[in-house]
Amino acid sequence: MIIILCAPSGSGKSTMVRHLLDSYPGKYELSISATTRAPRGQEQHGKEYYFISREEFEQHIQQNDFIEYEQVYEGLYYGTLKSEIDRIQSAGRTIVFDIDVKGGINIKRIFGDEAVSIFIAPPSVEELSRRLYSRGDTSEDMIQKRLAKAEIEMADAPYFDYIVVNDDLATAKAELDLLINQKQ
């Protein structure tokens, strides 16, 4: 099985992914995406993302190395390398995708019934805005772009197999566990 978790930025998707990986050690493995964005805070190459240049990314596109990719913002690419899927599958683990909404829809389309897609929704746009500002690591301009994008992404929630509203973190984690365990 392949697990796809998607959400607007600030909805708690990465927290939910960490919960899943920590709760079931050795069973699941995160697919590490490639990106052209700069690392934030303590992020490390090969752990949170494969941080590569725009030129490298575009070379991978030309070589057909991605299972999916997208230019999320002007000049800012994210994608899933085919080699990453091969790496996790050869280790005998279930792939977990922490990916943007369009990428998640594409992955679900590629893998069909082999994948379960879960949309992590914020309780409201106002709460999402509060969460983004409270991070303190993002510019005002980028927060506004993310909020505008979030409204578009939330309209895509019905394309997912399940929607988990992350209003209360403990409840959202329990709901995620229930959904995953039902699909195993």
Protein backbone atom coordinates (compact mmCIF):
# COMPACT_ATOMS: atom_id res chain seq x y z
CA MET A 1 0.00 0.00 0.00
CA ILE A 2 1.03 3.58 -0.63
CA ILE A 3 -0.12 6.35 1.71
CA ILE A 4 -0.54 9.86 0.35
CA LEU A 5 -0.94 12.72 2.82
CA CYS A 6 -1.70 16.16 1.40
CA ALA A 7 -2.72 19.47 2.87
CA PRO A 8 -2.36 23.19 2.47
CA SER A 9 0.81 24.54 4.06
CA GLY A 10 0.26 24.95 7.81
CA SER A 11 -2.48 22.31 8.16
CA GLY A 12 -0.33 19.93 10.19
CA LYS A 13 0.50 17.45 7.45
CA SER A 14 4.16 17.06 8.44
CA THR A 15 3.15 16.54 12.08
CA MET A 16 0.74 13.82 10.97
CA VAL A 17 3.44 12.18 8.85
CA ARG A 18 5.88 12.21 11.80
CA HIS A 19 3.17 10.63 13.96
CA LEU A 20 2.65 7.85 11.44
CA LEU A 21 6.38 7.13 11.06
CA ASP A 22 7.02 7.24 14.82
CA SER A 23 4.00 5.09 15.70
CA TYR A 24 4.93 2.29 13.29
CA PRO A 25 8.74 2.17 13.19
CA GLY A 26 10.17 0.17 10.31
CA LYS A 27 6.80 -0.29 8.61
CA TYR A 28 6.54 3.01 6.76
CA GLU A 29 9.11 5.19 5.07
CA LEU A 30 8.79 8.74 3.89
CA SER A 31 9.33 9.43 0.22
CA ILE A 32 11.75 12.33 0.19
CA SER A 33 10.85 14.86 -2.48
CA ALA A 34 13.32 16.87 -4.52
CA THR A 35 12.94 20.64 -4.48
CA THR A 36 14.64 23.76 -5.75
CA ARG A 37 13.75 25.78 -2.66
CA ALA A 38 16.34 26.62 -0.04
CA PRO A 39 16.42 24.65 3.24
CA ARG A 40 14.51 26.17 6.17
CA GLY A 41 15.83 26.14 9.70
CA GLN A 42 17.54 22.83 10.48
CA GLU A 43 16.41 21.01 7.31
CA GLN A 44 19.05 18.73 5.82
CA HIS A 45 19.63 17.45 2.29
CA GLY A 46 18.44 13.85 2.03
CA LYS A 47 16.36 14.02 5.20
CA GLU A 48 13.49 16.47 4.68
CA TYR A 49 14.14 17.04 0.96
CA TYR A 50 16.73 16.56 -1.72
CA PHE A 51 17.71 20.21 -2.19
CA ILE A 52 18.90 20.64 -5.75
CA SER A 53 19.41 23.55 -8.12
CA ARG A 54 16.83 24.55 -10.69
CA GLU A 55 19.27 23.44 -13.40
CA GLU A 56 19.66 19.98 -11.80
CA PHE A 57 15.89 19.68 -11.44
CA GLU A 58 15.31 20.57 -15.06
CA GLN A 59 17.98 18.06 -16.10
CA HIS A 60 16.08 15.35 -14.17
CA ILE A 61 12.91 16.41 -16.01
CA GLN A 62 14.69 16.01 -19.36
CA GLN A 63 15.95 12.56 -18.32
CA ASN A 64 12.43 11.46 -17.27
CA ASP A 65 13.67 10.76 -13.71
CA PHE A 66 10.49 11.92 -11.96
CA ILE A 67 7.31 9.95 -11.32
CA GLU A 68 5.67 13.36 -10.85
CA TYR A 69 6.79 16.95 -10.48
CA GLU A 70 5.34 20.41 -10.44
CA GLN A 71 6.41 24.00 -10.55
CA VAL A 72 4.54 25.10 -7.43
CA TYR A 73 5.53 28.76 -7.63
CA GLU A 74 7.55 30.56 -10.31
CA GLY A 75 10.97 28.89 -10.38
CA LEU A 76 10.14 26.67 -7.40
CA TYR A 77 9.92 22.98 -8.28
CA TYR A 78 8.96 19.93 -6.22
CA GLY A 79 8.97 16.36 -7.46
CA THR A 80 9.26 12.67 -6.67
CA LEU A 81 12.21 10.87 -8.17
CA LYS A 82 11.59 7.35 -9.48
CA SER A 83 14.75 6.26 -7.66
CA GLU A 84 13.12 7.23 -4.35
CA ILE A 85 10.17 4.90 -4.99
CA ASP A 86 12.55 2.08 -5.95
CA ARG A 87 14.64 2.66 -2.81
CA ILE A 88 11.67 2.33 -0.43
CA GLN A 89 10.00 -0.57 -2.23
CA SER A 90 13.26 -2.54 -2.34
CA ALA A 91 13.48 -2.13 1.45
CA GLY A 92 10.02 -3.75 1.74
CA ARG A 93 8.40 -0.74 3.38
CA THR A 94 5.16 1.11 2.71
CA ILE A 95 5.75 4.44 0.99
CA VAL A 96 4.37 7.53 2.71
CA PHE A 97 4.07 10.69 0.64
CA ASP A 98 4.08 14.09 2.35
CA ILE A 99 3.30 16.02 -0.80
CA ASP A 100 1.43 19.02 -2.17
CA VAL A 101 -2.18 18.58 -3.27
CA LYS A 102 -1.60 18.46 -7.04
CA GLY A 103 1.26 16.00 -6.56
CA GLY A 104 -0.96 13.84 -4.35
CA ILE A 105 -3.69 13.76 -6.96
CA ASN A 106 -1.11 12.76 -9.57
CA ILE A 107 0.36 10.00 -7.36
CA LYS A 108 -3.14 8.63 -6.67
CA ARG A 109 -3.89 8.61 -10.39
CA ILE A 110 -0.64 6.72 -11.09
CA PHE A 111 -1.04 4.11 -8.34
CA GLY A 112 -4.85 3.87 -8.22
CA ASP A 113 -6.18 1.36 -5.69
CA GLU A 114 -2.65 0.60 -4.44
CA ALA A 115 -2.71 4.03 -2.80
CA VAL A 116 -4.88 5.61 -0.12
CA SER A 117 -5.05 9.40 -0.34
CA ILE A 118 -5.81 11.48 2.74
CA PHE A 119 -6.37 15.23 2.76
CA ILE A 120 -5.46 16.95 6.05
CA ALA A 121 -7.72 19.98 6.27
CA PRO A 122 -7.36 22.98 8.57
CA PRO A 123 -10.45 23.80 10.62
CA SER A 124 -10.67 27.18 8.84
CA VAL A 125 -8.70 29.58 6.66
CA GLU A 126 -8.40 31.90 9.69
CA GLU A 127 -6.77 29.14 11.77
CA LEU A 128 -4.49 28.29 8.87
CA SER A 129 -3.41 31.94 8.68
CA ARG A 130 -2.72 31.98 12.43
CA ARG A 131 -0.59 28.83 12.14
CA LEU A 132 1.45 30.19 9.23
CA TYR A 133 2.17 33.47 11.03
CA SER A 134 3.07 31.66 14.27
CA ARG A 135 5.84 29.70 12.53
CA GLY A 136 7.91 32.86 12.26
CA ASP A 137 10.03 31.47 9.41
CA THR A 138 8.12 32.74 6.39
CA SER A 139 7.87 36.18 4.80
CA GLU A 140 4.58 38.08 4.62
CA ASP A 141 4.57 37.75 0.83
CA MET A 142 5.02 33.96 0.99
CA ILE A 143 2.32 33.61 3.67
CA GLN A 144 -0.12 35.47 1.42
CA LYS A 145 0.81 33.22 -1.51
CA ARG A 146 0.31 30.12 0.65
CA LEU A 147 -3.08 31.32 1.89
CA ALA A 148 -4.23 32.02 -1.68
CA LYS A 149 -2.99 28.59 -2.74
CA ALA A 150 -4.65 26.96 0.29
CA GLU A 151 -8.08 28.11 -0.82
CA ILE A 152 -7.53 26.47 -4.21
CA GLU A 153 -6.14 23.32 -2.61
CA MET A 154 -9.07 23.00 -0.20
CA ALA A 155 -11.38 22.94 -3.23
CA ASP A 156 -9.52 19.77 -4.33
CA ALA A 157 -10.20 17.92 -1.06
CA PRO A 158 -13.10 15.90 -2.57
CA TYR A 159 -10.60 14.22 -4.95
CA PHE A 160 -9.07 12.39 -1.97
CA ASP A 161 -10.22 9.10 -0.51
CA TYR A 162 -10.54 10.64 2.98
CA ILE A 163 -10.52 14.06 4.64
CA VAL A 164 -9.19 14.48 8.19
CA VAL A 165 -9.85 17.87 9.77
CA ASN A 166 -6.93 18.81 12.00
CA ASP A 167 -8.74 20.89 14.60
CA ASP A 168 -7.59 18.85 17.59
CA LEU A 169 -4.24 17.14 16.96
CA ALA A 170 -4.89 14.07 19.15
CA THR A 171 -8.24 13.46 17.47
CA ALA A 172 -6.77 13.93 13.99
CA LYS A 173 -3.94 11.46 14.78
CA ALA A 174 -6.44 8.89 16.04
CA GLU A 175 -8.56 9.31 12.91
CA LEU A 176 -5.47 8.88 10.70
CA ASP A 177 -4.50 5.70 12.57
CA LEU A 178 -8.00 4.31 12.15
CA LEU A 179 -8.05 5.01 8.41
CA ILE A 180 -4.60 3.48 7.85
CA ASN A 181 -5.34 0.40 9.91
CA GLN A 182 -8.61 -0.20 8.06
CA LYS A 183 -6.71 -0.20 4.76
CA GLN A 184 -3.97 -2.63 5.83
